[in-house]
């Protein structure tokens, strides 16, 4: 490679896959203290839904929420158990889909 970035695994195999292309499906605005809701999106066959949460405040709101994907739906629910727990601060959630 003449230019760019290269990375390798422990055996010396190239594992730089570059930037993974995604398509934005929409966005969700979460209010301060909001810890529940569900939003459905059209997901093309062979793709999966994902999300990125962007907090809009630096304070830690006392309530927590768990955000997860189930099929073509983003689900927010109250609680402190799950894979993606955040404080229930005001936030924007960017929803995207990518090739499975």
C-alpha atoms as a PDB file:
ATOM      1  CA  UNK A   1       0.000   0.000   0.000  1.00  0.00           C
ATOM      2  CA  UNK A   2       1.474   3.334  -1.038  1.00  0.00           C
ATOM      3  CA  UNK A   3      -0.765   5.608   1.034  1.00  0.00           C
ATOM      4  CA  UNK A   4      -3.319   5.201   3.753  1.00  0.00           C
ATOM      5  CA  UNK A   5      -3.763   3.253   6.950  1.00  0.00           C
ATOM      6  CA  UNK A   6      -3.087  -0.430   7.436  1.00  0.00           C
ATOM      7  CA  UNK A   7      -3.849  -2.639  10.421  1.00  0.00           C
ATOM      8  CA  UNK A   8      -3.169  -6.297  11.013  1.00  0.00           C
ATOM      9  CA  UNK A   9      -4.304  -9.053  13.365  1.00  0.00           C
ATOM     10  CA  UNK A  10      -1.962 -11.039  15.604  1.00  0.00           C
ATOM     11  CA  UNK A  11      -1.062 -13.345  12.686  1.00  0.00           C
ATOM     12  CA  UNK A  12      -0.137 -10.540  10.288  1.00  0.00           C
ATOM     13  CA  UNK A  13      -3.351 -10.741   8.251  1.00  0.00           C
ATOM     14  CA  UNK A  14      -4.728  -7.475   6.953  1.00  0.00           C
ATOM     15  CA  UNK A  15      -7.880  -6.565   8.945  1.00  0.00           C
ATOM     16  CA  UNK A  16      -8.480  -3.008   7.791  1.00  0.00           C
ATOM     17  CA  UNK A  17     -11.971  -3.115   6.317  1.00  0.00           C
ATOM     18  CA  UNK A  18     -12.234   0.639   5.857  1.00  0.00           C
ATOM     19  CA  UNK A  19     -15.291   2.705   6.606  1.00  0.00           C
ATOM     20  CA  UNK A  20     -18.416   0.579   6.685  1.00  0.00           C
ATOM     21  CA  UNK A  21     -21.145   2.160   4.561  1.00  0.00           C
ATOM     22  CA  UNK A  22     -24.498   2.798   6.254  1.00  0.00           C
ATOM     23  CA  UNK A  23     -27.691   4.569   5.219  1.00  0.00           C
ATOM     24  CA  UNK A  24     -29.500   6.875   7.623  1.00  0.00           C
ATOM     25  CA  UNK A  25     -33.081   5.716   8.174  1.00  0.00           C
ATOM     26  CA  UNK A  26     -34.129   8.634  10.408  1.00  0.00           C
ATOM     27  CA  UNK A  27     -33.636  10.236  13.780  1.00  0.00           C
ATOM     28  CA  UNK A  28     -35.409  10.272  17.112  1.00  0.00           C
ATOM     29  CA  UNK A  29     -35.532  13.137  19.609  1.00  0.00           C
ATOM     30  CA  UNK A  30     -35.599  11.997  23.231  1.00  0.00           C
ATOM     31  CA  UNK A  31     -36.732  14.514  25.860  1.00  0.00           C
ATOM     32  CA  UNK A  32     -35.053  14.994  29.236  1.00  0.00           C
ATOM     33  CA  UNK A  33     -36.312  12.174  31.469  1.00  0.00           C
ATOM     34  CA  UNK A  34     -37.878  10.181  28.613  1.00  0.00           C
ATOM     35  CA  UNK A  35     -37.145   6.523  29.208  1.00  0.00           C
ATOM     36  CA  UNK A  36     -39.712   4.716  27.045  1.00  0.00           C
ATOM     37  CA  UNK A  37     -40.864   4.589  23.448  1.00  0.00           C
ATOM     38  CA  UNK A  38     -40.653   2.577  20.266  1.00  0.00           C
ATOM     39  CA  UNK A  39     -40.078   3.641  16.682  1.00  0.00           C
ATOM     40  CA  UNK A  40     -40.337   1.467  13.556  1.00  0.00           C
ATOM     41  CA  UNK A  41     -38.395   1.960  10.328  1.00  0.00           C
ATOM     42  CA  UNK A  42     -38.460   0.451   6.838  1.00  0.00           C
ATOM     43  CA  UNK A  43     -35.408  -1.812   6.587  1.00  0.00           C
ATOM     44  CA  UNK A  44     -34.505  -3.320   3.201  1.00  0.00           C
ATOM     45  CA  UNK A  45     -34.089  -7.087   2.935  1.00  0.00           C
ATOM     46  CA  UNK A  46     -30.577  -8.205   3.846  1.00  0.00           C
ATOM     47  CA  UNK A  47     -29.963  -5.208   6.119  1.00  0.00           C
ATOM     48  CA  UNK A  48     -30.023  -4.658   9.875  1.00  0.00           C
ATOM     49  CA  UNK A  49     -30.977  -1.626  11.927  1.00  0.00           C
ATOM     50  CA  UNK A  50     -28.561   0.189  14.221  1.00  0.00           C
ATOM     51  CA  UNK A  51     -28.341   3.484  16.105  1.00  0.00           C
ATOM     52  CA  UNK A  52     -26.031   6.083  17.599  1.00  0.00           C
ATOM     53  CA  UNK A  53     -27.186   8.148  20.586  1.00  0.00           C
ATOM     54  CA  UNK A  54     -25.972  11.738  20.852  1.00  0.00           C
ATOM     55  CA  UNK A  55     -26.542  13.238  24.332  1.00  0.00           C
ATOM     56  CA  UNK A  56     -27.651  16.875  24.302  1.00  0.00           C
ATOM     57  CA  UNK A  57     -26.646  17.677  27.883  1.00  0.00           C
ATOM     58  CA  UNK A  58     -23.676  16.985  30.102  1.00  0.00           C
ATOM     59  CA  UNK A  59     -25.593  16.525  33.348  1.00  0.00           C
ATOM     60  CA  UNK A  60     -26.526  13.052  34.528  1.00  0.00           C
ATOM     61  CA  UNK A  61     -30.303  12.755  34.822  1.00  0.00           C
ATOM     62  CA  UNK A  62     -31.254  10.397  37.643  1.00  0.00           C
ATOM     63  CA  UNK A  63     -33.382   8.037  35.512  1.00  0.00           C
ATOM     64  CA  UNK A  64     -31.806   5.556  33.116  1.00  0.00           C
ATOM     65  CA  UNK A  65     -32.973   4.001  29.884  1.00  0.00           C
ATOM     66  CA  UNK A  66     -32.027   0.966  27.849  1.00  0.00           C
ATOM     67  CA  UNK A  67     -32.087   1.455  24.083  1.00  0.00           C
ATOM     68  CA  UNK A  68     -32.098  -1.619  21.852  1.00  0.00           C
ATOM     69  CA  UNK A  69     -32.965  -2.856  18.377  1.00  0.00           C
ATOM     70  CA  UNK A  70     -35.594  -5.514  17.785  1.00  0.00           C
ATOM     71  CA  UNK A  71     -36.062  -6.308  14.093  1.00  0.00           C
ATOM     72  CA  UNK A  72     -37.070  -3.052  12.411  1.00  0.00           C
ATOM     73  CA  UNK A  73     -37.853  -1.233  15.687  1.00  0.00           C
ATOM     74  CA  UNK A  74     -35.800   0.900  18.070  1.00  0.00           C
ATOM     75  CA  UNK A  75     -37.045   0.391  21.631  1.00  0.00           C
ATOM     76  CA  UNK A  76     -36.322   2.586  24.640  1.00  0.00           C
ATOM     77  CA  UNK A  77     -37.356   1.266  28.028  1.00  0.00           C
ATOM     78  CA  UNK A  78     -36.655   2.220  31.625  1.00  0.00           C
ATOM     79  CA  UNK A  79     -34.111   0.254  33.546  1.00  0.00           C
ATOM     80  CA  UNK A  80     -30.528  -0.317  34.422  1.00  0.00           C
ATOM     81  CA  UNK A  81     -30.061  -3.742  32.825  1.00  0.00           C
ATOM     82  CA  UNK A  82     -29.258  -4.333  29.158  1.00  0.00           C
ATOM     83  CA  UNK A  83     -26.614  -3.813  26.507  1.00  0.00           C
ATOM     84  CA  UNK A  84     -26.960  -0.070  26.055  1.00  0.00           C
ATOM     85  CA  UNK A  85     -27.771   1.800  29.282  1.00  0.00           C
ATOM     86  CA  UNK A  86     -27.641   5.598  29.381  1.00  0.00           C
ATOM     87  CA  UNK A  87     -28.909   8.346  31.615  1.00  0.00           C
ATOM     88  CA  UNK A  88     -32.275   9.647  30.431  1.00  0.00           C
ATOM     89  CA  UNK A  89     -30.831  12.965  29.308  1.00  0.00           C
ATOM     90  CA  UNK A  90     -32.230  14.804  26.327  1.00  0.00           C
ATOM     91  CA  UNK A  91     -30.699  13.154  23.279  1.00  0.00           C
ATOM     92  CA  UNK A  92     -30.874  12.667  19.549  1.00  0.00           C
ATOM     93  CA  UNK A  93     -30.735   9.088  18.230  1.00  0.00           C
ATOM     94  CA  UNK A  94     -29.514   8.634  14.664  1.00  0.00           C
ATOM     95  CA  UNK A  95     -30.991   5.445  13.203  1.00  0.00           C
ATOM     96  CA  UNK A  96     -29.222   3.709  10.324  1.00  0.00           C
ATOM     97  CA  UNK A  97     -29.241   0.420   8.458  1.00  0.00           C
ATOM     98  CA  UNK A  98     -26.338  -1.565   7.095  1.00  0.00           C
ATOM     99  CA  UNK A  99     -25.780  -4.767   5.162  1.00  0.00           C
ATOM    100  CA  UNK A 100     -26.197  -7.728   7.511  1.00  0.00           C
END
